[in-house]
C-alpha cells in the first residue's frame, strides 16, 4: 500500500508532508523513517522506488519533507517556497523528525496497529544523515541507525571566517541550485542557531554516544561529501559497520527525475545492504 502526500498539521509550526509504504496486512512491521538531505525532498529521484523495495520486505517505510526544505503542501516537489528555505536550520529539522516520530507512534496514527514500535530505524542521506545521528544519540526509541553518504560535521560547512562575516553583514547568502537554476537563500539565523546549539549539534560527540547498531554506507568517489567523512564516523564509533560503494557518486547513481523502473546498480546495492542490516 502506498499513501502519498499526507499532511501533519502542527500548532505554530509549518506542516510536514509525508508518505508511507507498507504491505496492508495485519503483520507488525519494523518502522523505517527516511530523512532527505540538503536541497532534497521526499520525492526526489528514485526515493519512491527505494520506498517500495523496503515495503516489499515487510518494513513500514516513511519518508517526509522537512518543513522548511522549500516545498509546500500544494507542491512538495522542488522548491516553490524559498522564504521557508531561507528560514531553515538544523534544530528545526531535528524538531521535524521528532514530531513525525511522535505522530507515527501516537494513537492518532491511522496505521499504528501494524507497526512494531520496538523496532525503529532511522535512515538519513547526506545532511539527513547528520540529523539522524544526532536524533539517534538523543532518543532511546531508535533501535538502529543507517546513514547514506552522511556528513560528519555541521560547522565546517559554513565556510571561512571571512565568508561568515560577509554573510552576517548582508544578512543572507545564496547558493545556486545547479538543476533548478534557483539562487537559494540562507538567512544568517542559520548560523546563529548553530552557535546557540553547537554542543547538541556536534556529530562527533553524538556518534561516540551511539549505543545501537549503526551502518555507514558511502561511495569512495563521492565528490559532494568525501569518503573521509564516513571514515570519521566509523572511527568515532568502532562498533559501527562501514560499507564502501565503488564506482558511484553522492546519490549512488540516481538522478532527478528518475524514469527507470529499476534502481541504479549502486543504489540497489545500498538498499539491499540496508534491509539486510535491519533484519
C-alpha atoms as a PDB file:
ATOM      1  CA  UNK A   1       0.000   0.000   0.000  1.00  0.00           C
ATOM      2  CA  UNK A   2       1.219   3.496  -0.846  1.00  0.00           C
ATOM      3  CA  UNK A   3      -0.070   6.557   0.980  1.00  0.00           C
ATOM      4  CA  UNK A   4       1.254   9.771  -0.607  1.00  0.00           C
ATOM      5  CA  UNK A   5       1.355  13.464   0.298  1.00  0.00           C
ATOM      6  CA  UNK A   6      -0.238  13.187   3.721  1.00  0.00           C
ATOM      7  CA  UNK A   7      -0.145  16.297   5.906  1.00  0.00           C
ATOM      8  CA  UNK A   8       0.849  16.523   9.542  1.00  0.00           C
ATOM      9  CA  UNK A   9      -0.580  19.815  10.815  1.00  0.00           C
ATOM     10  CA  UNK A  10       1.215  21.427  13.747  1.00  0.00           C
ATOM     11  CA  UNK A  11       0.356  24.296  16.077  1.00  0.00           C
ATOM     12  CA  UNK A  12       2.641  27.307  15.464  1.00  0.00           C
ATOM     13  CA  UNK A  13       4.795  25.305  13.039  1.00  0.00           C
ATOM     14  CA  UNK A  14       4.709  24.674   9.312  1.00  0.00           C
ATOM     15  CA  UNK A  15       3.044  21.382   8.325  1.00  0.00           C
ATOM     16  CA  UNK A  16       5.038  18.295   7.373  1.00  0.00           C
ATOM     17  CA  UNK A  17       4.179  16.353   4.204  1.00  0.00           C
ATOM     18  CA  UNK A  18       4.806  12.614   4.440  1.00  0.00           C
ATOM     19  CA  UNK A  19       4.415   9.286   2.590  1.00  0.00           C
ATOM     20  CA  UNK A  20       4.096   5.722   3.856  1.00  0.00           C
ATOM     21  CA  UNK A  21       4.839   2.473   2.003  1.00  0.00           C
ATOM     22  CA  UNK A  22       3.818  -0.857   3.525  1.00  0.00           C
ATOM     23  CA  UNK A  23       2.018  -4.159   2.983  1.00  0.00           C
ATOM     24  CA  UNK A  24      -1.603  -3.830   4.049  1.00  0.00           C
ATOM     25  CA  UNK A  25      -1.853  -6.903   6.241  1.00  0.00           C
ATOM     26  CA  UNK A  26      -2.014  -7.399   9.996  1.00  0.00           C
ATOM     27  CA  UNK A  27       1.668  -8.267  10.476  1.00  0.00           C
ATOM     28  CA  UNK A  28       3.618  -5.966  12.793  1.00  0.00           C
ATOM     29  CA  UNK A  29       6.347  -4.297  10.761  1.00  0.00           C
ATOM     30  CA  UNK A  30       9.606  -2.625  11.765  1.00  0.00           C
ATOM     31  CA  UNK A  31       9.392   1.133  11.227  1.00  0.00           C
ATOM     32  CA  UNK A  32      11.895   2.843   8.920  1.00  0.00           C
ATOM     33  CA  UNK A  33      11.979   6.652   8.722  1.00  0.00           C
ATOM     34  CA  UNK A  34      13.952   8.252   5.886  1.00  0.00           C
ATOM     35  CA  UNK A  35      15.464  11.757   6.142  1.00  0.00           C
ATOM     36  CA  UNK A  36      16.387  13.522   2.905  1.00  0.00           C
ATOM     37  CA  UNK A  37      19.427  15.746   2.543  1.00  0.00           C
ATOM     38  CA  UNK A  38      20.273  19.354   1.706  1.00  0.00           C
ATOM     39  CA  UNK A  39      18.346  20.687  -1.304  1.00  0.00           C
ATOM     40  CA  UNK A  40      16.437  17.407  -1.147  1.00  0.00           C
ATOM     41  CA  UNK A  41      12.828  16.282  -0.830  1.00  0.00           C
ATOM     42  CA  UNK A  42      10.958  13.042  -0.255  1.00  0.00           C
ATOM     43  CA  UNK A  43      10.027  12.609  -3.941  1.00  0.00           C
ATOM     44  CA  UNK A  44      13.486  13.256  -5.327  1.00  0.00           C
ATOM     45  CA  UNK A  45      14.806  10.904  -7.985  1.00  0.00           C
ATOM     46  CA  UNK A  46      14.468   7.234  -7.116  1.00  0.00           C
ATOM     47  CA  UNK A  47      13.288   7.583  -3.492  1.00  0.00           C
ATOM     48  CA  UNK A  48       9.840   6.209  -4.404  1.00  0.00           C
ATOM     49  CA  UNK A  49      11.418   3.043  -5.799  1.00  0.00           C
ATOM     50  CA  UNK A  50      13.590   2.801  -2.693  1.00  0.00           C
ATOM     51  CA  UNK A  51      10.483   3.036  -0.504  1.00  0.00           C
ATOM     52  CA  UNK A  52       8.756   0.296  -2.493  1.00  0.00           C
ATOM     53  CA  UNK A  53      11.717  -2.044  -2.022  1.00  0.00           C
ATOM     54  CA  UNK A  54      11.674  -1.561   1.735  1.00  0.00           C
ATOM     55  CA  UNK A  55       7.914  -2.165   1.903  1.00  0.00           C
ATOM     56  CA  UNK A  56       8.226  -5.341  -0.164  1.00  0.00           C
ATOM     57  CA  UNK A  57      10.433  -6.715   2.632  1.00  0.00           C
ATOM     58  CA  UNK A  58       7.695  -6.238   5.258  1.00  0.00           C
ATOM     59  CA  UNK A  59       9.026  -2.927   6.515  1.00  0.00           C
ATOM     60  CA  UNK A  60       6.877   0.125   7.219  1.00  0.00           C
ATOM     61  CA  UNK A  61       8.726   2.876   5.334  1.00  0.00           C
ATOM     62  CA  UNK A  62       8.014   6.561   5.928  1.00  0.00           C
ATOM     63  CA  UNK A  63       9.623   9.455   4.079  1.00  0.00           C
ATOM     64  CA  UNK A  64       8.811  13.116   4.620  1.00  0.00           C
ATOM     65  CA  UNK A  65       9.782  16.638   3.701  1.00  0.00           C
ATOM     66  CA  UNK A  66      11.471  18.733   6.344  1.00  0.00           C
ATOM     67  CA  UNK A  67       9.081  21.607   6.981  1.00  0.00           C
ATOM     68  CA  UNK A  68      11.456  24.305   5.719  1.00  0.00           C
ATOM     69  CA  UNK A  69      13.047  22.412   2.831  1.00  0.00           C
ATOM     70  CA  UNK A  70      11.457  24.788   0.314  1.00  0.00           C
ATOM     71  CA  UNK A  71       8.478  22.648  -0.666  1.00  0.00           C
ATOM     72  CA  UNK A  72       4.840  23.356   0.150  1.00  0.00           C
ATOM     73  CA  UNK A  73       1.739  21.312   0.924  1.00  0.00           C
ATOM     74  CA  UNK A  74       0.409  22.142  -2.540  1.00  0.00           C
ATOM     75  CA  UNK A  75       3.725  21.417  -4.264  1.00  0.00           C
ATOM     76  CA  UNK A  76       6.008  19.170  -2.185  1.00  0.00           C
ATOM     77  CA  UNK A  77       8.367  18.637  -5.120  1.00  0.00           C
ATOM     78  CA  UNK A  78      11.252  21.058  -5.720  1.00  0.00           C
ATOM     79  CA  UNK A  79      11.446  24.490  -4.072  1.00  0.00           C
ATOM     80  CA  UNK A  80       8.499  26.846  -4.629  1.00  0.00           C
ATOM     81  CA  UNK A  81       8.903  28.426  -1.154  1.00  0.00           C
ATOM     82  CA  UNK A  82      12.381  29.919  -0.953  1.00  0.00           C
ATOM     83  CA  UNK A  83      11.367  32.099   2.007  1.00  0.00           C
ATOM     84  CA  UNK A  84      10.834  28.933   4.053  1.00  0.00           C
ATOM     85  CA  UNK A  85      14.123  27.520   2.764  1.00  0.00           C
ATOM     86  CA  UNK A  86      15.896  30.671   3.988  1.00  0.00           C
ATOM     87  CA  UNK A  87      14.461  30.147   7.481  1.00  0.00           C
ATOM     88  CA  UNK A  88      15.580  26.528   7.794  1.00  0.00           C
ATOM     89  CA  UNK A  89      18.179  25.359  10.306  1.00  0.00           C
ATOM     90  CA  UNK A  90      19.411  22.171  11.950  1.00  0.00           C
ATOM     91  CA  UNK A  91      17.297  22.425  15.098  1.00  0.00           C
ATOM     92  CA  UNK A  92      14.144  22.881  13.013  1.00  0.00           C
ATOM     93  CA  UNK A  93      14.984  19.649  11.195  1.00  0.00           C
ATOM     94  CA  UNK A  94      15.541  17.840  14.499  1.00  0.00           C
ATOM     95  CA  UNK A  95      12.178  19.137  15.731  1.00  0.00           C
ATOM     96  CA  UNK A  96      10.523  17.995  12.496  1.00  0.00           C
ATOM     97  CA  UNK A  97      11.965  14.497  12.891  1.00  0.00           C
ATOM     98  CA  UNK A  98      10.799  14.358  16.486  1.00  0.00           C
ATOM     99  CA  UNK A  99       7.298  15.479  15.528  1.00  0.00           C
ATOM    100  CA  UNK A 100       6.943  12.941  12.717  1.00  0.00           C
ATOM    101  CA  UNK A 101       8.180  10.154  15.005  1.00  0.00           C
ATOM    102  CA  UNK A 102       5.825  11.193  17.802  1.00  0.00           C
ATOM    103  CA  UNK A 103       2.937  11.261  15.335  1.00  0.00           C
ATOM    104  CA  UNK A 104       3.684   7.804  13.916  1.00  0.00           C
ATOM    105  CA  UNK A 105       3.890   6.345  17.421  1.00  0.00           C
ATOM    106  CA  UNK A 106       0.737   8.104  18.643  1.00  0.00           C
ATOM    107  CA  UNK A 107      -2.797   6.792  18.990  1.00  0.00           C
ATOM    108  CA  UNK A 108      -3.806   9.153  16.166  1.00  0.00           C
ATOM    109  CA  UNK A 109      -1.662   7.445  13.542  1.00  0.00           C
ATOM    110  CA  UNK A 110      -4.039   5.532  11.235  1.00  0.00           C
ATOM    111  CA  UNK A 111      -1.706   2.540  10.771  1.00  0.00           C
ATOM    112  CA  UNK A 112      -0.448   2.223  14.337  1.00  0.00           C
ATOM    113  CA  UNK A 113      -1.652  -1.372  14.685  1.00  0.00           C
ATOM    114  CA  UNK A 114       0.771  -2.712  12.076  1.00  0.00           C
ATOM    115  CA  UNK A 115       3.925  -1.004  13.375  1.00  0.00           C
ATOM    116  CA  UNK A 116       6.415  -2.690  15.685  1.00  0.00           C
ATOM    117  CA  UNK A 117       7.118   0.249  17.974  1.00  0.00           C
ATOM    118  CA  UNK A 118      10.109  -1.562  19.496  1.00  0.00           C
ATOM    119  CA  UNK A 119      11.903  -1.753  16.137  1.00  0.00           C
ATOM    120  CA  UNK A 120      12.625   1.702  14.717  1.00  0.00           C
ATOM    121  CA  UNK A 121      15.365   2.527  12.210  1.00  0.00           C
ATOM    122  CA  UNK A 122      16.433   5.964  11.026  1.00  0.00           C
ATOM    123  CA  UNK A 123      17.885   6.217   7.526  1.00  0.00           C
ATOM    124  CA  UNK A 124      19.473   9.533   6.597  1.00  0.00           C
ATOM    125  CA  UNK A 125      21.052  10.669   3.336  1.00  0.00           C
ATOM    126  CA  UNK A 126      23.779  13.336   3.291  1.00  0.00           C
ATOM    127  CA  UNK A 127      22.771  16.169   5.665  1.00  0.00           C
ATOM    128  CA  UNK A 128      19.839  13.991   6.707  1.00  0.00           C
ATOM    129  CA  UNK A 129      22.455  11.515   7.905  1.00  0.00           C
ATOM    130  CA  UNK A 130      23.847  14.094  10.307  1.00  0.00           C
ATOM    131  CA  UNK A 131      20.354  14.873  11.584  1.00  0.00           C
ATOM    132  CA  UNK A 132      19.661  11.153  12.022  1.00  0.00           C
ATOM    133  CA  UNK A 133      22.866  10.654  14.005  1.00  0.00           C
ATOM    134  CA  UNK A 134      22.005  13.475  16.413  1.00  0.00           C
ATOM    135  CA  UNK A 135      18.458  12.138  16.822  1.00  0.00           C
ATOM    136  CA  UNK A 136      19.604   8.541  17.370  1.00  0.00           C
ATOM    137  CA  UNK A 137      22.005   9.667  20.081  1.00  0.00           C
ATOM    138  CA  UNK A 138      19.218  11.538  21.892  1.00  0.00           C
ATOM    139  CA  UNK A 139      16.179   9.282  21.517  1.00  0.00           C
ATOM    140  CA  UNK A 140      16.070   5.843  23.124  1.00  0.00           C
ATOM    141  CA  UNK A 141      13.138   4.837  20.931  1.00  0.00           C
ATOM    142  CA  UNK A 142      15.507   4.484  17.967  1.00  0.00           C
ATOM    143  CA  UNK A 143      16.852   0.925  17.760  1.00  0.00           C
ATOM    144  CA  UNK A 144      19.142   1.144  14.708  1.00  0.00           C
ATOM    145  CA  UNK A 145      20.737   3.789  12.514  1.00  0.00           C
ATOM    146  CA  UNK A 146      21.725   3.795   8.831  1.00  0.00           C
ATOM    147  CA  UNK A 147      23.420   6.665   7.025  1.00  0.00           C
ATOM    148  CA  UNK A 148      23.931   7.027   3.301  1.00  0.00           C
ATOM    149  CA  UNK A 149      26.708   9.426   2.220  1.00  0.00           C
ATOM    150  CA  UNK A 150      26.388  11.237   5.539  1.00  0.00           C
ATOM    151  CA  UNK A 151      28.233  14.342   6.584  1.00  0.00           C
ATOM    152  CA  UNK A 152      30.321  14.104   9.754  1.00  0.00           C
ATOM    153  CA  UNK A 153      30.343  17.770  10.735  1.00  0.00           C
ATOM    154  CA  UNK A 154      27.965  20.715  10.535  1.00  0.00           C
ATOM    155  CA  UNK A 155      30.223  23.630  11.451  1.00  0.00           C
ATOM    156  CA  UNK A 156      32.752  23.294   8.636  1.00  0.00           C
ATOM    157  CA  UNK A 157      30.013  23.771   6.044  1.00  0.00           C
ATOM    158  CA  UNK A 158      29.510  27.431   6.875  1.00  0.00           C
ATOM    159  CA  UNK A 159      32.763  28.453   5.171  1.00  0.00           C
ATOM    160  CA  UNK A 160      35.656  30.610   6.309  1.00  0.00           C
ATOM    161  CA  UNK A 161      35.539  33.383   8.892  1.00  0.00           C
ATOM    162  CA  UNK A 162      35.526  35.864   6.005  1.00  0.00           C
ATOM    163  CA  UNK A 163      32.552  34.063   4.433  1.00  0.00           C
ATOM    164  CA  UNK A 164      30.671  34.161   7.726  1.00  0.00           C
ATOM    165  CA  UNK A 165      31.450  37.847   8.274  1.00  0.00           C
ATOM    166  CA  UNK A 166      30.145  38.721   4.815  1.00  0.00           C
ATOM    167  CA  UNK A 167      27.057  36.609   5.426  1.00  0.00           C
ATOM    168  CA  UNK A 168      26.404  38.409   8.711  1.00  0.00           C
ATOM    169  CA  UNK A 169      26.884  41.818   7.079  1.00  0.00           C
ATOM    170  CA  UNK A 170      24.420  41.114   4.284  1.00  0.00           C
ATOM    171  CA  UNK A 171      22.047  39.029   6.414  1.00  0.00           C
ATOM    172  CA  UNK A 172      21.604  36.486   3.627  1.00  0.00           C
ATOM    173  CA  UNK A 173      23.724  34.366   1.292  1.00  0.00           C
ATOM    174  CA  UNK A 174      22.681  32.475  -1.822  1.00  0.00           C
ATOM    175  CA  UNK A 175      23.528  29.008  -3.101  1.00  0.00           C
ATOM    176  CA  UNK A 176      22.917  28.120  -6.732  1.00  0.00           C
ATOM    177  CA  UNK A 177      20.863  25.004  -7.385  1.00  0.00           C
ATOM    178  CA  UNK A 178      22.503  23.611 -10.491  1.00  0.00           C
ATOM    179  CA  UNK A 179      19.421  21.636 -11.535  1.00  0.00           C
ATOM    180  CA  UNK A 180      16.643  24.192 -10.984  1.00  0.00           C
ATOM    181  CA  UNK A 181      18.886  27.258 -11.517  1.00  0.00           C
ATOM    182  CA  UNK A 182      17.386  28.872  -8.422  1.00  0.00           C
ATOM    183  CA  UNK A 183      19.508  31.079  -6.192  1.00  0.00           C
ATOM    184  CA  UNK A 184      18.515  29.565  -2.856  1.00  0.00           C
ATOM    185  CA  UNK A 185      18.781  31.890   0.163  1.00  0.00           C
ATOM    186  CA  UNK A 186      20.053  31.233   3.677  1.00  0.00           C
ATOM    187  CA  UNK A 187      19.366  33.875   6.303  1.00  0.00           C
ATOM    188  CA  UNK A 188      22.063  34.427   8.913  1.00  0.00           C
ATOM    189  CA  UNK A 189      19.739  32.948  11.553  1.00  0.00           C
ATOM    190  CA  UNK A 190      21.001  29.571  10.310  1.00  0.00           C
ATOM    191  CA  UNK A 191      24.469  30.277  11.700  1.00  0.00           C
ATOM    192  CA  UNK A 192      23.129  31.940  14.847  1.00  0.00           C
ATOM    193  CA  UNK A 193      21.049  28.845  15.565  1.00  0.00           C
ATOM    194  CA  UNK A 194      24.076  26.620  15.049  1.00  0.00           C
ATOM    195  CA  UNK A 195      26.151  28.648  17.506  1.00  0.00           C
ATOM    196  CA  UNK A 196      23.338  28.608  20.082  1.00  0.00           C
ATOM    197  CA  UNK A 197      23.105  24.798  19.799  1.00  0.00           C
ATOM    198  CA  UNK A 198      26.709  23.963  18.972  1.00  0.00           C
ATOM    199  CA  UNK A 199      27.134  21.348  21.684  1.00  0.00           C
ATOM    200  CA  UNK A 200      23.972  19.498  20.698  1.00  0.00           C
ATOM    201  CA  UNK A 201      24.872  19.669  17.006  1.00  0.00           C
ATOM    202  CA  UNK A 202      28.274  18.011  17.482  1.00  0.00           C
ATOM    203  CA  UNK A 203      28.087  14.949  15.219  1.00  0.00           C
ATOM    204  CA  UNK A 204      31.363  13.576  16.583  1.00  0.00           C
ATOM    205  CA  UNK A 205      30.080  13.597  20.156  1.00  0.00           C
ATOM    206  CA  UNK A 206      26.725  12.170  19.071  1.00  0.00           C
ATOM    207  CA  UNK A 207      28.400   9.327  17.156  1.00  0.00           C
ATOM    208  CA  UNK A 208      30.578   8.475  20.148  1.00  0.00           C
ATOM    209  CA  UNK A 209      27.380   8.174  22.203  1.00  0.00           C
ATOM    210  CA  UNK A 210      25.626   5.785  19.800  1.00  0.00           C
ATOM    211  CA  UNK A 211      24.814   2.523  21.575  1.00  0.00           C
ATOM    212  CA  UNK A 212      22.643   0.926  18.896  1.00  0.00           C
ATOM    213  CA  UNK A 213      23.627  -0.875  15.662  1.00  0.00           C
ATOM    214  CA  UNK A 214      24.938   1.652  13.122  1.00  0.00           C
ATOM    215  CA  UNK A 215      25.532   1.098   9.414  1.00  0.00           C
ATOM    216  CA  UNK A 216      27.543   3.653   7.419  1.00  0.00           C
ATOM    217  CA  UNK A 217      27.311   3.429   3.612  1.00  0.00           C
ATOM    218  CA  UNK A 218      29.378   5.774   1.471  1.00  0.00           C
ATOM    219  CA  UNK A 219      30.779   5.921  -2.046  1.00  0.00           C
ATOM    220  CA  UNK A 220      34.561   6.055  -2.342  1.00  0.00           C
ATOM    221  CA  UNK A 221      34.174   8.528  -5.223  1.00  0.00           C
ATOM    222  CA  UNK A 222      31.623  10.803  -3.545  1.00  0.00           C
ATOM    223  CA  UNK A 223      32.557  14.363  -4.562  1.00  0.00           C
ATOM    224  CA  UNK A 224      29.893  16.155  -2.524  1.00  0.00           C
ATOM    225  CA  UNK A 225      30.702  14.501   0.831  1.00  0.00           C
ATOM    226  CA  UNK A 226      34.140  12.926   0.859  1.00  0.00           C
ATOM    227  CA  UNK A 227      34.602   9.293   1.918  1.00  0.00           C
ATOM    228  CA  UNK A 228      36.836  10.527   4.729  1.00  0.00           C
ATOM    229  CA  UNK A 229      33.661  11.705   6.493  1.00  0.00           C
ATOM    230  CA  UNK A 230      32.418   8.104   6.590  1.00  0.00           C
ATOM    231  CA  UNK A 231      35.808   7.089   7.971  1.00  0.00           C
ATOM    232  CA  UNK A 232      35.390   9.735  10.684  1.00  0.00           C
ATOM    233  CA  UNK A 233      32.024   8.310  11.711  1.00  0.00           C
ATOM    234  CA  UNK A 234      33.420   4.776  11.801  1.00  0.00           C
ATOM    235  CA  UNK A 235      36.414   5.940  13.845  1.00  0.00           C
ATOM    236  CA  UNK A 236      34.144   7.645  16.383  1.00  0.00           C
ATOM    237  CA  UNK A 237      32.006   4.512  16.714  1.00  0.00           C
ATOM    238  CA  UNK A 238      34.275   1.483  16.049  1.00  0.00           C
ATOM    239  CA  UNK A 239      31.323  -0.848  16.622  1.00  0.00           C
ATOM    240  CA  UNK A 240      29.612   0.572  13.537  1.00  0.00           C
ATOM    241  CA  UNK A 241      29.661  -1.208  10.168  1.00  0.00           C
ATOM    242  CA  UNK A 242      31.260   0.723   7.286  1.00  0.00           C
ATOM    243  CA  UNK A 243      30.300  -0.377   3.781  1.00  0.00           C
ATOM    244  CA  UNK A 244      32.134   1.079   0.793  1.00  0.00           C
ATOM    245  CA  UNK A 245      30.425   1.600  -2.558  1.00  0.00           C
ATOM    246  CA  UNK A 246      32.750   1.772  -5.582  1.00  0.00           C
ATOM    247  CA  UNK A 247      32.332   3.406  -8.988  1.00  0.00           C
ATOM    248  CA  UNK A 248      29.456   5.605  -7.830  1.00  0.00           C
ATOM    249  CA  UNK A 249      28.650   9.086  -6.531  1.00  0.00           C
ATOM    250  CA  UNK A 250      26.846  11.016  -3.780  1.00  0.00           C
ATOM    251  CA  UNK A 251      23.396   9.753  -4.834  1.00  0.00           C
ATOM    252  CA  UNK A 252      24.575   6.251  -5.781  1.00  0.00           C
ATOM    253  CA  UNK A 253      23.869   6.649  -9.479  1.00  0.00           C
ATOM    254  CA  UNK A 254      20.395   8.139  -9.207  1.00  0.00           C
ATOM    255  CA  UNK A 255      19.232  11.495 -10.596  1.00  0.00           C
ATOM    256  CA  UNK A 256      16.113  13.647 -10.739  1.00  0.00           C
ATOM    257  CA  UNK A 257      13.806  12.904 -12.358  1.00  0.00           C
ATOM    258  CA  UNK A 258      14.298   9.117 -12.301  1.00  0.00           C
ATOM    259  CA  UNK A 259      12.178   7.496 -15.009  1.00  0.00           C
ATOM    260  CA  UNK A 260      13.638   3.994 -14.993  1.00  0.00           C
ATOM    261  CA  UNK A 261      11.560   1.225 -13.408  1.00  0.00           C
ATOM    262  CA  UNK A 262      14.690  -0.143 -11.710  1.00  0.00           C
ATOM    263  CA  UNK A 263      17.183   1.415  -9.344  1.00  0.00           C
ATOM    264  CA  UNK A 264      20.726   2.180 -10.496  1.00  0.00           C
ATOM    265  CA  UNK A 265      23.104  -0.641  -9.589  1.00  0.00           C
ATOM    266  CA  UNK A 266      24.799   1.189  -6.711  1.00  0.00           C
ATOM    267  CA  UNK A 267      21.583   2.393  -5.079  1.00  0.00           C
ATOM    268  CA  UNK A 268      20.090  -1.079  -5.437  1.00  0.00           C
ATOM    269  CA  UNK A 269      23.082  -2.430  -3.516  1.00  0.00           C
ATOM    270  CA  UNK A 270      22.679   0.282  -0.857  1.00  0.00           C
ATOM    271  CA  UNK A 271      19.029  -0.668  -0.347  1.00  0.00           C
ATOM    272  CA  UNK A 272      19.743  -4.401  -0.146  1.00  0.00           C
ATOM    273  CA  UNK A 273      22.560  -3.864   2.377  1.00  0.00           C
ATOM    274  CA  UNK A 274      20.313  -1.622   4.453  1.00  0.00           C
ATOM    275  CA  UNK A 275      17.399  -4.056   4.509  1.00  0.00           C
ATOM    276  CA  UNK A 276      19.717  -6.924   5.447  1.00  0.00           C
ATOM    277  CA  UNK A 277      21.142  -4.789   8.272  1.00  0.00           C
ATOM    278  CA  UNK A 278      17.681  -4.047   9.660  1.00  0.00           C
ATOM    279  CA  UNK A 279      16.648  -7.690   9.509  1.00  0.00           C
END
